[in-house]
Amino acid sequence: MVFLIIFTGVYRQTLTQSEPAIERPGESHKLTCTTSGLSFSSYWMAWIRQAPGKGLEWIATEARGTYASSVDGRIEITRDNSNSMVYLKLSNLKAEDSAVYYCAREHSG
């Protein structure tokens, strides 16, 4: 199981990646997204992933607590507003969870 995590910045807002990790099927892993340059507590975050050779897959919207069926029941999103961080914990990992994971600031309306 290989997790490669890359976060990209938008304008002067920066999203910083977790370190890549290798996990076994059935294990859990927690990803960290650290932001700067935005009023973090004013925004919700979303998580997207891209498996090797495949397109982008939306997996979670923090604001609505909605998740893709591929991760529903195995995903937990938490945040630390004081440190401008959001976390994604994925449990009972499967081979198909191998992907590049992105966090993204949701549109503020």
PDB file of N, CA and C in Angstrom:
ATOM      1  N   MET A   1       0.855  -1.165   0.000  1.00  0.00           N
ATOM      2  CA  MET A   1       0.000   0.000   0.000  1.00  0.00           C
ATOM      3  C   MET A   1       0.899   1.225   0.000  1.00  0.00           C
ATOM      4  N   VAL A   2       0.767   2.064  -0.975  1.00  0.00           N
ATOM      5  CA  VAL A   2       1.589   3.265  -1.059  1.00  0.00           C
ATOM      6  C   VAL A   2       0.693   4.492  -1.071  1.00  0.00           C
ATOM      7  N   PHE A   3       0.941   5.399  -0.163  1.00  0.00           N
ATOM      8  CA  PHE A   3       0.239   6.680  -0.154  1.00  0.00           C
ATOM      9  C   PHE A   3       1.248   7.750  -0.532  1.00  0.00           C
ATOM     10  N   LEU A   4       0.993   8.434  -1.616  1.00  0.00           N
ATOM     11  CA  LEU A   4       1.799   9.585  -1.988  1.00  0.00           C
ATOM     12  C   LEU A   4       0.904  10.791  -1.857  1.00  0.00           C
ATOM     13  N   ILE A   5       1.295  11.732  -1.058  1.00  0.00           N
ATOM     14  CA  ILE A   5       0.419  12.852  -0.764  1.00  0.00           C
ATOM     15  C   ILE A   5       1.037  14.135  -1.295  1.00  0.00           C
ATOM     16  N   ILE A   6       0.290  14.846  -2.110  1.00  0.00           N
ATOM     17  CA  ILE A   6       0.753  16.106  -2.671  1.00  0.00           C
ATOM     18  C   ILE A   6      -0.358  17.131  -2.508  1.00  0.00           C
ATOM     19  N   PHE A   7      -0.028  18.278  -1.978  1.00  0.00           N
ATOM     20  CA  PHE A   7      -1.002  19.353  -1.857  1.00  0.00           C
ATOM     21  C   PHE A   7      -0.478  20.551  -2.633  1.00  0.00           C
ATOM     22  N   THR A   8      -1.362  21.245  -3.306  1.00  0.00           N
ATOM     23  CA  THR A   8      -0.928  22.386  -4.100  1.00  0.00           C
ATOM     24  C   THR A   8      -1.452  23.680  -3.511  1.00  0.00           C
ATOM     25  N   GLY A   9      -0.765  24.765  -3.771  1.00  0.00           N
ATOM     26  CA  GLY A   9      -1.187  26.066  -3.275  1.00  0.00           C
ATOM     27  C   GLY A   9      -2.022  26.808  -4.303  1.00  0.00           C
ATOM     28  N   VAL A  10      -2.898  27.664  -3.837  1.00  0.00           N
ATOM     29  CA  VAL A  10      -3.713  28.508  -4.696  1.00  0.00           C
ATOM     30  C   VAL A  10      -3.486  29.951  -4.255  1.00  0.00           C
ATOM     31  N   TYR A  11      -3.139  30.812  -5.205  1.00  0.00           N
ATOM     32  CA  TYR A  11      -2.804  32.199  -4.898  1.00  0.00           C
ATOM     33  C   TYR A  11      -1.720  32.219  -3.818  1.00  0.00           C
ATOM     34  N   ARG A  12      -1.952  32.889  -2.703  1.00  0.00           N
ATOM     35  CA  ARG A  12      -0.958  32.915  -1.636  1.00  0.00           C
ATOM     36  C   ARG A  12      -1.341  31.966  -0.522  1.00  0.00           C
ATOM     37  N   GLN A  13      -2.305  31.145  -0.789  1.00  0.00           N
ATOM     38  CA  GLN A  13      -2.721  30.156   0.192  1.00  0.00           C
ATOM     39  C   GLN A  13      -1.926  28.878  -0.065  1.00  0.00           C
ATOM     40  N   THR A  14      -1.409  28.295   0.991  1.00  0.00           N
ATOM     41  CA  THR A  14      -0.548  27.135   0.845  1.00  0.00           C
ATOM     42  C   THR A  14      -1.113  25.959   1.623  1.00  0.00           C
ATOM     43  N   LEU A  15      -1.092  24.793   0.995  1.00  0.00           N
ATOM     44  CA  LEU A  15      -1.482  23.548   1.641  1.00  0.00           C
ATOM     45  C   LEU A  15      -0.246  22.666   1.666  1.00  0.00           C
ATOM     46  N   THR A  16       0.138  22.207   2.835  1.00  0.00           N
ATOM     47  CA  THR A  16       1.380  21.463   2.999  1.00  0.00           C
ATOM     48  C   THR A  16       1.096  19.986   3.202  1.00  0.00           C
ATOM     49  N   GLN A  17       1.899  19.157   2.568  1.00  0.00           N
ATOM     50  CA  GLN A  17       1.646  17.725   2.530  1.00  0.00           C
ATOM     51  C   GLN A  17       2.136  16.973   3.754  1.00  0.00           C
ATOM     52  N   SER A  18       1.531  15.801   3.935  1.00  0.00           N
ATOM     53  CA  SER A  18       2.060  14.797   4.851  1.00  0.00           C
ATOM     54  C   SER A  18       3.207  14.084   4.140  1.00  0.00           C
ATOM     55  N   GLU A  19       3.965  13.325   4.887  1.00  0.00           N
ATOM     56  CA  GLU A  19       5.001  12.493   4.284  1.00  0.00           C
ATOM     57  C   GLU A  19       4.348  11.284   3.614  1.00  0.00           C
ATOM     58  N   PRO A  20       4.919  10.795   2.499  1.00  0.00           N
ATOM     59  CA  PRO A  20       4.415   9.556   1.902  1.00  0.00           C
ATOM     60  C   PRO A  20       4.508   8.413   2.912  1.00  0.00           C
ATOM     61  N   ALA A  21       3.608   7.464   2.799  1.00  0.00           N
ATOM     62  CA  ALA A  21       3.585   6.359   3.755  1.00  0.00           C
ATOM     63  C   ALA A  21       3.217   5.063   3.052  1.00  0.00           C
ATOM     64  N   ILE A  22       3.691   3.969   3.597  1.00  0.00           N
ATOM     65  CA  ILE A  22       3.335   2.640   3.113  1.00  0.00           C
ATOM     66  C   ILE A  22       2.622   1.918   4.245  1.00  0.00           C
ATOM     67  N   GLU A  23       1.442   1.403   3.958  1.00  0.00           N
ATOM     68  CA  GLU A  23       0.648   0.694   4.959  1.00  0.00           C
ATOM     69  C   GLU A  23       0.183  -0.639   4.386  1.00  0.00           C
ATOM     70  N   ARG A  24      -0.190  -1.547   5.264  1.00  0.00           N
ATOM     71  CA  ARG A  24      -0.712  -2.845   4.834  1.00  0.00           C
ATOM     72  C   ARG A  24      -2.232  -2.813   4.794  1.00  0.00           C
ATOM     73  N   PRO A  25      -2.827  -3.641   3.924  1.00  0.00           N
ATOM     74  CA  PRO A  25      -4.294  -3.753   3.924  1.00  0.00           C
ATOM     75  C   PRO A  25      -4.808  -4.075   5.321  1.00  0.00           C
ATOM     76  N   GLY A  26      -5.910  -3.435   5.684  1.00  0.00           N
ATOM     77  CA  GLY A  26      -6.510  -3.640   6.998  1.00  0.00           C
ATOM     78  C   GLY A  26      -6.040  -2.648   8.037  1.00  0.00           C
ATOM     79  N   GLU A  27      -4.921  -1.982   7.788  1.00  0.00           N
ATOM     80  CA  GLU A  27      -4.410  -0.986   8.729  1.00  0.00           C
ATOM     81  C   GLU A  27      -5.118   0.353   8.527  1.00  0.00           C
ATOM     82  N   SER A  28      -4.761   1.316   9.358  1.00  0.00           N
ATOM     83  CA  SER A  28      -5.300   2.672   9.270  1.00  0.00           C
ATOM     84  C   SER A  28      -4.160   3.640   8.998  1.00  0.00           C
ATOM     85  N   HIS A  29      -4.506   4.789   8.437  1.00  0.00           N
ATOM     86  CA  HIS A  29      -3.506   5.833   8.229  1.00  0.00           C
ATOM     87  C   HIS A  29      -4.174   7.195   8.348  1.00  0.00           C
ATOM     88  N   LYS A  30      -3.450   8.140   8.932  1.00  0.00           N
ATOM     89  CA  LYS A  30      -3.965   9.494   9.120  1.00  0.00           C
ATOM     90  C   LYS A  30      -3.126  10.469   8.306  1.00  0.00           C
ATOM     91  N   LEU A  31      -3.794  11.211   7.424  1.00  0.00           N
ATOM     92  CA  LEU A  31      -3.141  12.233   6.614  1.00  0.00           C
ATOM     93  C   LEU A  31      -3.343  13.595   7.260  1.00  0.00           C
ATOM     94  N   THR A  32      -2.362  14.460   7.113  1.00  0.00           N
ATOM     95  CA  THR A  32      -2.428  15.808   7.668  1.00  0.00           C
ATOM     96  C   THR A  32      -2.319  16.832   6.552  1.00  0.00           C
ATOM     97  N   CYS A  33      -3.178  17.823   6.598  1.00  0.00           N
ATOM     98  CA  CYS A  33      -3.119  18.952   5.663  1.00  0.00           C
ATOM     99  C   CYS A  33      -2.971  20.217   6.501  1.00  0.00           C
ATOM    100  N   THR A  34      -1.848  20.891   6.350  1.00  0.00           N
ATOM    101  CA  THR A  34      -1.588  22.135   7.067  1.00  0.00           C
ATOM    102  C   THR A  34      -1.726  23.299   6.094  1.00  0.00           C
ATOM    103  N   THR A  35      -2.489  24.301   6.480  1.00  0.00           N
ATOM    104  CA  THR A  35      -2.742  25.428   5.582  1.00  0.00           C
ATOM    105  C   THR A  35      -2.099  26.699   6.117  1.00  0.00           C
ATOM    106  N   SER A  36      -1.880  27.632   5.217  1.00  0.00           N
ATOM    107  CA  SER A  36      -1.453  28.973   5.619  1.00  0.00           C
ATOM    108  C   SER A  36      -1.972  29.955   4.579  1.00  0.00           C
ATOM    109  N   GLY A  37      -2.126  31.200   4.980  1.00  0.00           N
ATOM    110  CA  GLY A  37      -2.548  32.236   4.065  1.00  0.00           C
ATOM    111  C   GLY A  37      -4.046  32.345   3.888  1.00  0.00           C
ATOM    112  N   LEU A  38      -4.809  31.669   4.733  1.00  0.00           N
ATOM    113  CA  LEU A  38      -6.260  31.805   4.677  1.00  0.00           C
ATOM    114  C   LEU A  38      -6.812  31.774   6.090  1.00  0.00           C
ATOM    115  N   SER A  39      -7.995  32.304   6.250  1.00  0.00           N
ATOM    116  CA  SER A  39      -8.665  32.263   7.544  1.00  0.00           C
ATOM    117  C   SER A  39      -9.270  30.871   7.692  1.00  0.00           C
ATOM    118  N   PHE A  40      -8.446  29.939   8.158  1.00  0.00           N
ATOM    119  CA  PHE A  40      -8.784  28.516   8.132  1.00  0.00           C
ATOM    120  C   PHE A  40     -10.134  28.203   8.752  1.00  0.00           C
ATOM    121  N   SER A  41     -10.426  28.792   9.906  1.00  0.00           N
ATOM    122  CA  SER A  41     -11.671  28.463  10.602  1.00  0.00           C
ATOM    123  C   SER A  41     -12.906  28.925   9.836  1.00  0.00           C
ATOM    124  N   SER A  42     -12.717  29.759   8.809  1.00  0.00           N
ATOM    125  CA  SER A  42     -13.842  30.254   8.007  1.00  0.00           C
ATOM    126  C   SER A  42     -14.175  29.349   6.827  1.00  0.00           C
ATOM    127  N   TYR A  43     -13.359  28.338   6.591  1.00  0.00           N
ATOM    128  CA  TYR A  43     -13.537  27.483   5.422  1.00  0.00           C
ATOM    129  C   TYR A  43     -13.680  26.018   5.810  1.00  0.00           C
ATOM    130  N   TRP A  44     -14.430  25.302   4.993  1.00  0.00           N
ATOM    131  CA  TRP A  44     -14.489  23.847   5.079  1.00  0.00           C
ATOM    132  C   TRP A  44     -13.495  23.293   4.073  1.00  0.00           C
ATOM    133  N   MET A  45     -13.079  22.068   4.300  1.00  0.00           N
ATOM    134  CA  MET A  45     -12.116  21.438   3.405  1.00  0.00           C
ATOM    135  C   MET A  45     -12.730  20.197   2.758  1.00  0.00           C
ATOM    136  N   ALA A  46     -12.207  19.860   1.602  1.00  0.00           N
ATOM    137  CA  ALA A  46     -12.616  18.648   0.894  1.00  0.00           C
ATOM    138  C   ALA A  46     -11.373  17.796   0.652  1.00  0.00           C
ATOM    139  N   TRP A  47     -11.586  16.512   0.437  1.00  0.00           N
ATOM    140  CA  TRP A  47     -10.496  15.592   0.127  1.00  0.00           C
ATOM    141  C   TRP A  47     -10.783  14.908  -1.203  1.00  0.00           C
ATOM    142  N   ILE A  48      -9.746  14.799  -2.006  1.00  0.00           N
ATOM    143  CA  ILE A  48      -9.818  14.219  -3.343  1.00  0.00           C
ATOM    144  C   ILE A  48      -8.618  13.284  -3.468  1.00  0.00           C
ATOM    145  N   ARG A  49      -8.749  12.235  -4.272  1.00  0.00           N
ATOM    146  CA  ARG A  49      -7.594  11.369  -4.482  1.00  0.00           C
ATOM    147  C   ARG A  49      -7.500  10.970  -5.950  1.00  0.00           C
ATOM    148  N   GLN A  50      -6.307  10.521  -6.327  1.00  0.00           N
ATOM    149  CA  GLN A  50      -6.089  10.058  -7.691  1.00  0.00           C
ATOM    150  C   GLN A  50      -5.243   8.799  -7.642  1.00  0.00           C
ATOM    151  N   ALA A  51      -5.860   7.686  -7.993  1.00  0.00           N
ATOM    152  CA  ALA A  51      -5.158   6.410  -8.054  1.00  0.00           C
ATOM    153  C   ALA A  51      -4.284   6.380  -9.309  1.00  0.00           C
ATOM    154  N   PRO A  52      -3.231   5.585  -9.301  1.00  0.00           N
ATOM    155  CA  PRO A  52      -2.342   5.520 -10.471  1.00  0.00           C
ATOM    156  C   PRO A  52      -3.115   5.191 -11.750  1.00  0.00           C
ATOM    157  N   GLY A  53      -2.923   6.017 -12.776  1.00  0.00           N
ATOM    158  CA  GLY A  53      -3.559   5.780 -14.059  1.00  0.00           C
ATOM    159  C   GLY A  53      -5.039   6.103 -14.124  1.00  0.00           C
ATOM    160  N   LYS A  54      -5.578   6.712 -13.072  1.00  0.00           N
ATOM    161  CA  LYS A  54      -7.007   7.016 -13.033  1.00  0.00           C
ATOM    162  C   LYS A  54      -7.233   8.513 -12.856  1.00  0.00           C
ATOM    163  N   GLY A  55      -8.493   8.915 -12.988  1.00  0.00           N
ATOM    164  CA  GLY A  55      -8.851  10.313 -12.819  1.00  0.00           C
ATOM    165  C   GLY A  55      -9.021  10.677 -11.353  1.00  0.00           C
ATOM    166  N   LEU A  56      -9.310  11.943 -11.115  1.00  0.00           N
ATOM    167  CA  LEU A  56      -9.549  12.418  -9.758  1.00  0.00           C
ATOM    168  C   LEU A  56     -10.848  11.839  -9.215  1.00  0.00           C
ATOM    169  N   GLU A  57     -10.843  11.495  -7.937  1.00  0.00           N
ATOM    170  CA  GLU A  57     -12.036  10.977  -7.261  1.00  0.00           C
ATOM    171  C   GLU A  57     -12.282  11.805  -6.003  1.00  0.00           C
ATOM    172  N   TRP A  58     -13.423  12.475  -5.947  1.00  0.00           N
ATOM    173  CA  TRP A  58     -13.811  13.169  -4.730  1.00  0.00           C
ATOM    174  C   TRP A  58     -14.130  12.106  -3.686  1.00  0.00           C
ATOM    175  N   ILE A  59     -13.624  12.271  -2.465  1.00  0.00           N
ATOM    176  CA  ILE A  59     -13.942  11.281  -1.431  1.00  0.00           C
ATOM    177  C   ILE A  59     -14.627  11.868  -0.202  1.00  0.00           C
ATOM    178  N   ALA A  60     -14.501  13.173   0.042  1.00  0.00           N
ATOM    179  CA  ALA A  60     -15.119  13.707   1.257  1.00  0.00           C
ATOM    180  C   ALA A  60     -15.347  15.205   1.164  1.00  0.00           C
ATOM    181  N   THR A  61     -16.474  15.631   1.700  1.00  0.00           N
ATOM    182  CA  THR A  61     -16.781  17.043   1.871  1.00  0.00           C
ATOM    183  C   THR A  61     -17.021  17.276   3.353  1.00  0.00           C
ATOM    184  N   GLU A  62     -16.127  17.997   3.973  1.00  0.00           N
ATOM    185  CA  GLU A  62     -16.197  18.215   5.418  1.00  0.00           C
ATOM    186  C   GLU A  62     -17.476  18.939   5.827  1.00  0.00           C
ATOM    187  N   ALA A  63     -17.880  19.935   5.058  1.00  0.00           N
ATOM    188  CA  ALA A  63     -19.022  20.775   5.442  1.00  0.00           C
ATOM    189  C   ALA A  63     -20.304  19.974   5.602  1.00  0.00           C
ATOM    190  N   ARG A  64     -20.529  19.047   4.708  1.00  0.00           N
ATOM    191  CA  ARG A  64     -21.769  18.268   4.750  1.00  0.00           C
ATOM    192  C   ARG A  64     -21.578  16.899   5.381  1.00  0.00           C
ATOM    193  N   GLY A  65     -20.351  16.545   5.673  1.00  0.00           N
ATOM    194  CA  GLY A  65     -20.099  15.227   6.238  1.00  0.00           C
ATOM    195  C   GLY A  65     -20.482  14.120   5.279  1.00  0.00           C
ATOM    196  N   THR A  66     -20.311  14.378   3.980  1.00  0.00           N
ATOM    197  CA  THR A  66     -20.647  13.375   2.980  1.00  0.00           C
ATOM    198  C   THR A  66     -19.372  12.751   2.429  1.00  0.00           C
ATOM    199  N   TYR A  67     -19.461  11.462   2.137  1.00  0.00           N
ATOM    200  CA  TYR A  67     -18.292  10.698   1.715  1.00  0.00           C
ATOM    201  C   TYR A  67     -18.622   9.837   0.507  1.00  0.00           C
ATOM    202  N   ALA A  68     -17.620   9.562  -0.306  1.00  0.00           N
ATOM    203  CA  ALA A  68     -17.784   8.650  -1.432  1.00  0.00           C
ATOM    204  C   ALA A  68     -18.076   7.252  -0.897  1.00  0.00           C
ATOM    205  N   SER A  69     -18.849   6.493  -1.643  1.00  0.00           N
ATOM    206  CA  SER A  69     -19.198   5.139  -1.198  1.00  0.00           C
ATOM    207  C   SER A  69     -17.958   4.267  -1.027  1.00  0.00           C
ATOM    208  N   SER A  70     -16.891   4.569  -1.758  1.00  0.00           N
ATOM    209  CA  SER A  70     -15.663   3.772  -1.668  1.00  0.00           C
ATOM    210  C   SER A  70     -14.970   3.892  -0.317  1.00  0.00           C
ATOM    211  N   VAL A  71     -15.275   4.955   0.444  1.00  0.00           N
ATOM    212  CA  VAL A  71     -14.629   5.155   1.746  1.00  0.00           C
ATOM    213  C   VAL A  71     -15.628   5.284   2.894  1.00  0.00           C
ATOM    214  N   ASP A  72     -16.907   5.348   2.579  1.00  0.00           N
ATOM    215  CA  ASP A  72     -17.930   5.544   3.620  1.00  0.00           C
ATOM    216  C   ASP A  72     -17.834   4.443   4.670  1.00  0.00           C
ATOM    217  N   GLY A  73     -17.867   4.851   5.926  1.00  0.00           N
ATOM    218  CA  GLY A  73     -17.739   3.914   7.034  1.00  0.00           C
ATOM    219  C   GLY A  73     -16.308   3.641   7.438  1.00  0.00           C
ATOM    220  N   ARG A  74     -15.345   4.136   6.649  1.00  0.00           N
ATOM    221  CA  ARG A  74     -13.926   3.916   6.955  1.00  0.00           C
ATOM    222  C   ARG A  74     -13.165   5.228   7.109  1.00  0.00           C
ATOM    223  N   ILE A  75     -13.865   6.344   6.985  1.00  0.00           N
ATOM    224  CA  ILE A  75     -13.203   7.645   6.939  1.00  0.00           C
ATOM    225  C   ILE A  75     -13.624   8.515   8.116  1.00  0.00           C
ATOM    226  N   GLU A  76     -12.670   9.290   8.611  1.00  0.00           N
ATOM    227  CA  GLU A  76     -12.954  10.256   9.675  1.00  0.00           C
ATOM    228  C   GLU A  76     -12.166  11.529   9.375  1.00  0.00           C
ATOM    229  N   ILE A  77     -12.866  12.656   9.385  1.00  0.00           N
ATOM    230  CA  ILE A  77     -12.212  13.944   9.161  1.00  0.00           C
ATOM    231  C   ILE A  77     -12.312  14.770  10.436  1.00  0.00           C
ATOM    232  N   THR A  78     -11.170  15.269  10.887  1.00  0.00           N
ATOM    233  CA  THR A  78     -11.131  16.141  12.059  1.00  0.00           C
ATOM    234  C   THR A  78     -10.296  17.366  11.700  1.00  0.00           C
ATOM    235  N   ARG A  79     -10.418  18.404  12.515  1.00  0.00           N
ATOM    236  CA  ARG A  79      -9.653  19.625  12.257  1.00  0.00           C
ATOM    237  C   ARG A  79      -9.151  20.232  13.547  1.00  0.00           C
ATOM    238  N   ASP A  80      -8.110  21.026  13.412  1.00  0.00           N
ATOM    239  CA  ASP A  80      -7.519  21.782  14.510  1.00  0.00           C
ATOM    240  C   ASP A  80      -7.436  23.231  14.036  1.00  0.00           C
ATOM    241  N   ASN A  81      -8.479  24.009  14.342  1.00  0.00           N
ATOM    242  CA  ASN A  81      -8.530  25.389  13.862  1.00  0.00           C
ATOM    243  C   ASN A  81      -7.374  26.233  14.381  1.00  0.00           C
ATOM    244  N   SER A  82      -6.932  25.984  15.609  1.00  0.00           N
ATOM    245  CA  SER A  82      -5.873  26.814  16.188  1.00  0.00           C
ATOM    246  C   SER A  82      -4.546  26.646  15.451  1.00  0.00           C
ATOM    247  N   ASN A  83      -4.350  25.499  14.813  1.00  0.00           N
ATOM    248  CA  ASN A  83      -3.118  25.250  14.063  1.00  0.00           C
ATOM    249  C   ASN A  83      -3.349  25.162  12.555  1.00  0.00           C
ATOM    250  N   SER A  84      -4.561  25.504  12.112  1.00  0.00           N
ATOM    251  CA  SER A  84      -4.914  25.510  10.681  1.00  0.00           C
ATOM    252  C   SER A  84      -4.636  24.171  10.012  1.00  0.00           C
ATOM    253  N   MET A  85      -5.062  23.103  10.677  1.00  0.00           N
ATOM    254  CA  MET A  85      -4.818  21.758  10.166  1.00  0.00           C
ATOM    255  C   MET A  85      -6.116  20.978  10.051  1.00  0.00           C
ATOM    256  N   VAL A  86      -6.174  20.128   9.031  1.00  0.00           N
ATOM    257  CA  VAL A  86      -7.294  19.202   8.881  1.00  0.00           C
ATOM    258  C   VAL A  86      -6.693  17.815   8.655  1.00  0.00           C
ATOM    259  N   TYR A  87      -7.360  16.815   9.202  1.00  0.00           N
ATOM    260  CA  TYR A  87      -6.852  15.450   9.157  1.00  0.00           C
ATOM    261  C   TYR A  87      -7.863  14.528   8.492  1.00  0.00           C
ATOM    262  N   LEU A  88      -7.348  13.559   7.774  1.00  0.00           N
ATOM    263  CA  LEU A  88      -8.177  12.506   7.207  1.00  0.00           C
ATOM    264  C   LEU A  88      -7.637  11.177   7.709  1.00  0.00           C
ATOM    265  N   LYS A  89      -8.462  10.431   8.408  1.00  0.00           N
ATOM    266  CA  LYS A  89      -8.069   9.097   8.857  1.00  0.00           C
ATOM    267  C   LYS A  89      -8.869   8.082   8.065  1.00  0.00           C
ATOM    268  N   LEU A  90      -8.166   7.175   7.410  1.00  0.00           N
ATOM    269  CA  LEU A  90      -8.798   6.126   6.622  1.00  0.00           C
ATOM    270  C   LEU A  90      -8.457   4.795   7.267  1.00  0.00           C
ATOM    271  N   SER A  91      -9.487   4.040   7.633  1.00  0.00           N
ATOM    272  CA  SER A  91      -9.318   2.768   8.336  1.00  0.00           C
ATOM    273  C   SER A  91      -9.574   1.597   7.399  1.00  0.00           C
ATOM    274  N   ASN A  92      -9.172   0.417   7.851  1.00  0.00           N
ATOM    275  CA  ASN A  92      -9.389  -0.813   7.084  1.00  0.00           C
ATOM    276  C   ASN A  92      -8.955  -0.610   5.630  1.00  0.00           C
ATOM    277  N   LEU A  93      -7.703  -0.192   5.474  1.00  0.00           N
ATOM    278  CA  LEU A  93      -7.186   0.142   4.147  1.00  0.00           C
ATOM    279  C   LEU A  93      -7.304  -1.022   3.174  1.00  0.00           C
ATOM    280  N   LYS A  94      -7.565  -0.662   1.917  1.00  0.00           N
ATOM    281  CA  LYS A  94      -7.687  -1.632   0.833  1.00  0.00           C
ATOM    282  C   LYS A  94      -6.683  -1.276  -0.252  1.00  0.00           C
ATOM    283  N   ALA A  95      -6.381  -2.227  -1.105  1.00  0.00           N
ATOM    284  CA  ALA A  95      -5.426  -1.974  -2.189  1.00  0.00           C
ATOM    285  C   ALA A  95      -5.863  -0.781  -3.030  1.00  0.00           C
ATOM    286  N   GLU A  96      -7.159  -0.644  -3.237  1.00  0.00           N
ATOM    287  CA  GLU A  96      -7.662   0.451  -4.077  1.00  0.00           C
ATOM    288  C   GLU A  96      -7.560   1.823  -3.409  1.00  0.00           C
ATOM    289  N   ASP A  97      -7.127   1.873  -2.153  1.00  0.00           N
ATOM    290  CA  ASP A  97      -6.898   3.158  -1.489  1.00  0.00           C
ATOM    291  C   ASP A  97      -5.538   3.758  -1.849  1.00  0.00           C
ATOM    292  N   SER A  98      -4.698   3.006  -2.555  1.00  0.00           N
ATOM    293  CA  SER A  98      -3.398   3.538  -2.981  1.00  0.00           C
ATOM    294  C   SER A  98      -3.623   4.677  -3.959  1.00  0.00           C
ATOM    295  N   ALA A  99      -3.169   5.865  -3.620  1.00  0.00           N
ATOM    296  CA  ALA A  99      -3.458   7.043  -4.437  1.00  0.00           C
ATOM    297  C   ALA A  99      -2.658   8.233  -3.940  1.00  0.00           C
ATOM    298  N   VAL A 100      -2.665   9.283  -4.739  1.00  0.00           N
ATOM    299  CA  VAL A 100      -2.223  10.603  -4.297  1.00  0.00           C
ATOM    300  C   VAL A 100      -3.453  11.277  -3.708  1.00  0.00           C
ATOM    301  N   TYR A 101      -3.332  11.775  -2.481  1.00  0.00           N
ATOM    302  CA  TYR A 101      -4.451  12.417  -1.788  1.00  0.00           C
ATOM    303  C   TYR A 101      -4.237  13.926  -1.744  1.00  0.00           C
ATOM    304  N   TYR A 102      -5.304  14.671  -2.033  1.00  0.00           N
ATOM    305  CA  TYR A 102      -5.261  16.125  -2.036  1.00  0.00           C
ATOM    306  C   TYR A 102      -6.296  16.666  -1.056  1.00  0.00           C
ATOM    307  N   CYS A 103      -5.944  17.713  -0.352  1.00  0.00           N
ATOM    308  CA  CYS A 103      -6.970  18.461   0.370  1.00  0.00           C
ATOM    309  C   CYS A 103      -7.200  19.757  -0.404  1.00  0.00           C
ATOM    310  N   ALA A 104      -8.405  20.259  -0.314  1.00  0.00           N
ATOM    311  CA  ALA A 104      -8.760  21.468  -1.058  1.00  0.00           C
ATOM    312  C   ALA A 104      -9.708  22.310  -0.227  1.00  0.00           C
ATOM    313  N   ARG A 105      -9.549  23.599  -0.303  1.00  0.00           N
ATOM    314  CA  ARG A 105     -10.471  24.508   0.369  1.00  0.00           C
ATOM    315  C   ARG A 105     -11.768  24.543  -0.416  1.00  0.00           C
ATOM    316  N   GLU A 106     -12.875  24.371   0.286  1.00  0.00           N
ATOM    317  CA  GLU A 106     -14.161  24.433  -0.393  1.00  0.00           C
ATOM    318  C   GLU A 106     -14.537  25.877  -0.687  1.00  0.00           C
ATOM    319  N   HIS A 107     -15.323  26.057  -1.729  1.00  0.00           N
ATOM    320  CA  HIS A 107     -15.803  27.384  -2.112  1.00  0.00           C
ATOM    321  C   HIS A 107     -16.646  27.959  -0.975  1.00  0.00           C
ATOM    322  N   SER A 108     -16.482  29.227  -0.701  1.00  0.00           N
ATOM    323  CA  SER A 108     -17.153  29.839   0.452  1.00  0.00           C
ATOM    324  C   SER A 108     -18.485  30.488   0.110  1.00  0.00           C
ATOM    325  N   GLY A 109     -19.080  30.106  -0.990  1.00  0.00           N
ATOM    326  CA  GLY A 109     -20.401  30.608  -1.318  1.00  0.00           C
ATOM    327  C   GLY A 109     -20.332  31.850  -2.117  1.00  0.00           C
TER     328      GLY A 109
END
